Amino acid sequence: MELNRKNLRKTGIVLEALPSTHFKVRLEDGQEIMAHLAGKLRMFHIKILPGDQVQVEMSPYDEKRGRIVYRGSR
């Protein structure tokens, strides 16, 4: 049985860096969520700072949490 994985990708700005590679992100629609850093970004030591524009993948089950998958420019 194949699971249909529909992850929502949204753009936002990092507001605050928290311990353990977690971040508070404000999305374009004004919603604030908690997001953690994706494994590939951790592997390649990509630094995320407050003010960075990021893309976040969110699960349809919990829209208050997400995973940062891309860091754009400031």
N, C-alpha and C. Protein backbone atom coordinates (compact mmCIF):
# COMPACT_ATOMS: atom_id res chain seq x y z
N MET A 1 0.84 -1.18 0.00
CA MET A 1 0.00 0.00 0.00
C MET A 1 0.88 1.24 0.00
N GLU A 2 0.65 2.13 -0.92
CA GLU A 2 1.46 3.33 -1.05
C GLU A 2 0.78 4.48 -0.31
N LEU A 3 1.54 5.18 0.53
CA LEU A 3 1.01 6.33 1.24
C LEU A 3 1.12 7.57 0.36
N ASN A 4 0.09 8.35 0.33
CA ASN A 4 0.10 9.59 -0.44
C ASN A 4 0.59 10.70 0.48
N ARG A 5 1.81 11.15 0.29
CA ARG A 5 2.40 12.17 1.16
C ARG A 5 2.28 13.52 0.49
N LYS A 6 1.44 14.34 1.04
CA LYS A 6 1.23 15.69 0.53
C LYS A 6 1.78 16.67 1.55
N ASN A 7 2.99 17.15 1.35
CA ASN A 7 3.57 18.14 2.24
C ASN A 7 3.35 19.52 1.64
N LEU A 8 2.93 20.43 2.46
CA LEU A 8 2.71 21.80 2.03
C LEU A 8 4.02 22.57 2.17
N ARG A 9 4.40 23.31 1.14
CA ARG A 9 5.60 24.16 1.20
C ARG A 9 5.18 25.60 1.26
N LYS A 10 5.65 26.29 2.30
CA LYS A 10 5.33 27.70 2.47
C LYS A 10 6.62 28.47 2.72
N THR A 11 6.58 29.77 2.43
CA THR A 11 7.73 30.63 2.64
C THR A 11 7.49 31.47 3.88
N GLY A 12 8.58 31.71 4.63
CA GLY A 12 8.46 32.51 5.83
C GLY A 12 9.79 33.13 6.21
N ILE A 13 9.78 33.87 7.32
CA ILE A 13 10.97 34.55 7.83
C ILE A 13 11.24 34.05 9.24
N VAL A 14 12.50 33.73 9.52
CA VAL A 14 12.89 33.25 10.84
C VAL A 14 12.84 34.40 11.82
N LEU A 15 12.10 34.21 12.91
CA LEU A 15 12.00 35.23 13.94
C LEU A 15 13.00 35.03 15.06
N GLU A 16 13.19 33.76 15.45
CA GLU A 16 14.00 33.47 16.63
C GLU A 16 14.66 32.10 16.47
N ALA A 17 15.92 32.01 16.89
CA ALA A 17 16.63 30.73 16.90
C ALA A 17 16.52 30.16 18.31
N LEU A 18 16.06 28.92 18.41
CA LEU A 18 15.88 28.24 19.69
C LEU A 18 16.89 27.10 19.80
N PRO A 19 17.05 26.53 20.98
CA PRO A 19 18.01 25.43 21.13
C PRO A 19 17.64 24.22 20.27
N SER A 20 18.66 23.42 19.99
CA SER A 20 18.48 22.14 19.31
C SER A 20 17.94 22.29 17.89
N THR A 21 18.46 23.24 17.15
CA THR A 21 18.14 23.52 15.75
C THR A 21 16.63 23.67 15.50
N HIS A 22 15.94 24.30 16.45
CA HIS A 22 14.54 24.66 16.27
C HIS A 22 14.47 26.17 16.07
N PHE A 23 13.46 26.59 15.31
CA PHE A 23 13.31 28.01 14.99
C PHE A 23 11.85 28.40 15.04
N LYS A 24 11.60 29.65 15.39
CA LYS A 24 10.25 30.20 15.31
C LYS A 24 10.18 30.95 13.98
N VAL A 25 9.20 30.60 13.13
CA VAL A 25 9.11 31.14 11.78
C VAL A 25 7.73 31.79 11.60
N ARG A 26 7.71 32.99 11.01
CA ARG A 26 6.45 33.63 10.63
C ARG A 26 6.25 33.41 9.14
N LEU A 27 5.16 32.75 8.80
CA LEU A 27 4.85 32.45 7.41
C LEU A 27 4.27 33.68 6.72
N GLU A 28 4.17 33.62 5.39
CA GLU A 28 3.65 34.74 4.61
C GLU A 28 2.22 35.11 4.99
N ASP A 29 1.44 34.11 5.43
CA ASP A 29 0.05 34.38 5.79
C ASP A 29 -0.10 34.90 7.22
N GLY A 30 1.03 35.13 7.93
CA GLY A 30 0.99 35.70 9.27
C GLY A 30 1.01 34.67 10.39
N GLN A 31 0.90 33.41 10.07
CA GLN A 31 0.90 32.35 11.07
C GLN A 31 2.32 32.10 11.59
N GLU A 32 2.48 31.91 12.90
CA GLU A 32 3.78 31.59 13.49
C GLU A 32 3.83 30.11 13.83
N ILE A 33 4.91 29.45 13.41
CA ILE A 33 5.06 28.02 13.66
C ILE A 33 6.45 27.74 14.23
N MET A 34 6.61 26.54 14.76
CA MET A 34 7.91 26.02 15.19
C MET A 34 8.43 25.14 14.06
N ALA A 35 9.69 25.31 13.70
CA ALA A 35 10.26 24.50 12.62
C ALA A 35 11.64 24.01 13.04
N HIS A 36 11.98 22.80 12.60
CA HIS A 36 13.32 22.27 12.85
C HIS A 36 14.07 22.19 11.52
N LEU A 37 15.36 22.05 11.62
CA LEU A 37 16.23 22.05 10.45
C LEU A 37 16.24 20.66 9.81
N ALA A 38 16.12 20.60 8.50
CA ALA A 38 16.16 19.33 7.78
C ALA A 38 17.56 18.72 7.86
N GLY A 39 17.62 17.42 7.69
CA GLY A 39 18.87 16.67 7.83
C GLY A 39 19.97 17.11 6.87
N LYS A 40 19.62 17.39 5.61
CA LYS A 40 20.64 17.80 4.63
C LYS A 40 21.24 19.15 5.01
N LEU A 41 20.42 20.06 5.55
CA LEU A 41 20.95 21.36 5.98
C LEU A 41 21.88 21.19 7.17
N ARG A 42 21.56 20.26 8.05
CA ARG A 42 22.45 19.96 9.20
C ARG A 42 23.75 19.35 8.72
N MET A 43 23.65 18.41 7.76
CA MET A 43 24.83 17.71 7.26
C MET A 43 25.85 18.66 6.66
N PHE A 44 25.36 19.65 5.91
CA PHE A 44 26.25 20.57 5.22
C PHE A 44 26.48 21.87 5.99
N HIS A 45 26.08 21.88 7.29
CA HIS A 45 26.33 23.01 8.20
C HIS A 45 25.82 24.34 7.64
N ILE A 46 24.59 24.33 7.10
CA ILE A 46 23.96 25.55 6.61
C ILE A 46 23.47 26.34 7.82
N LYS A 47 23.92 27.57 7.96
CA LYS A 47 23.56 28.40 9.11
C LYS A 47 22.26 29.13 8.82
N ILE A 48 21.36 29.10 9.79
CA ILE A 48 20.09 29.83 9.72
C ILE A 48 20.12 30.86 10.83
N LEU A 49 19.87 32.13 10.48
CA LEU A 49 19.88 33.22 11.45
C LEU A 49 18.53 33.93 11.42
N PRO A 50 18.18 34.61 12.52
CA PRO A 50 16.94 35.40 12.50
C PRO A 50 16.98 36.43 11.37
N GLY A 51 15.89 36.54 10.64
CA GLY A 51 15.81 37.44 9.50
C GLY A 51 15.96 36.73 8.16
N ASP A 52 16.42 35.47 8.17
CA ASP A 52 16.57 34.72 6.93
C ASP A 52 15.21 34.32 6.38
N GLN A 53 15.09 34.32 5.06
CA GLN A 53 13.89 33.83 4.40
C GLN A 53 14.08 32.34 4.14
N VAL A 54 13.10 31.54 4.52
CA VAL A 54 13.22 30.08 4.42
C VAL A 54 11.95 29.50 3.79
N GLN A 55 12.11 28.28 3.24
CA GLN A 55 10.96 27.50 2.80
C GLN A 55 10.74 26.39 3.82
N VAL A 56 9.49 26.21 4.22
CA VAL A 56 9.14 25.25 5.26
C VAL A 56 8.18 24.23 4.68
N GLU A 57 8.46 22.95 4.92
CA GLU A 57 7.53 21.86 4.58
C GLU A 57 6.69 21.58 5.80
N MET A 58 5.38 21.56 5.60
CA MET A 58 4.47 21.30 6.72
C MET A 58 3.61 20.09 6.43
N SER A 59 3.37 19.31 7.45
CA SER A 59 2.49 18.15 7.32
C SER A 59 1.04 18.61 7.38
N PRO A 60 0.15 17.94 6.66
CA PRO A 60 -1.27 18.33 6.75
C PRO A 60 -1.89 17.97 8.10
N TYR A 61 -1.21 17.17 8.91
CA TYR A 61 -1.75 16.74 10.19
C TYR A 61 -1.52 17.76 11.30
N ASP A 62 -0.38 18.45 11.28
CA ASP A 62 -0.07 19.42 12.33
C ASP A 62 0.48 20.68 11.66
N GLU A 63 -0.33 21.72 11.61
CA GLU A 63 0.07 22.93 10.91
C GLU A 63 0.80 23.92 11.80
N LYS A 64 1.14 23.53 13.01
CA LYS A 64 1.91 24.39 13.91
C LYS A 64 3.40 24.03 13.90
N ARG A 65 3.76 22.95 13.22
CA ARG A 65 5.15 22.51 13.16
C ARG A 65 5.57 22.28 11.71
N GLY A 66 6.88 22.41 11.46
CA GLY A 66 7.36 22.21 10.11
C GLY A 66 8.84 21.89 10.08
N ARG A 67 9.36 21.72 8.87
CA ARG A 67 10.77 21.39 8.66
C ARG A 67 11.33 22.38 7.65
N ILE A 68 12.42 23.06 8.00
CA ILE A 68 13.05 24.02 7.10
C ILE A 68 13.84 23.23 6.07
N VAL A 69 13.52 23.42 4.78
CA VAL A 69 14.17 22.65 3.72
C VAL A 69 15.01 23.51 2.79
N TYR A 70 14.89 24.86 2.89
CA TYR A 70 15.66 25.73 2.00
C TYR A 70 15.84 27.08 2.67
N ARG A 71 17.05 27.64 2.57
CA ARG A 71 17.33 28.98 3.08
C ARG A 71 17.59 29.90 1.91
N GLY A 72 16.81 30.96 1.83
CA GLY A 72 16.99 31.96 0.78
C GLY A 72 17.86 33.10 1.28
N SER A 73 17.76 34.22 0.62
CA SER A 73 18.54 35.39 1.03
C SER A 73 17.79 36.16 2.11
N ARG A 74 18.47 37.15 2.67
CA ARG A 74 17.85 37.94 3.73
C ARG A 74 16.92 38.96 3.15
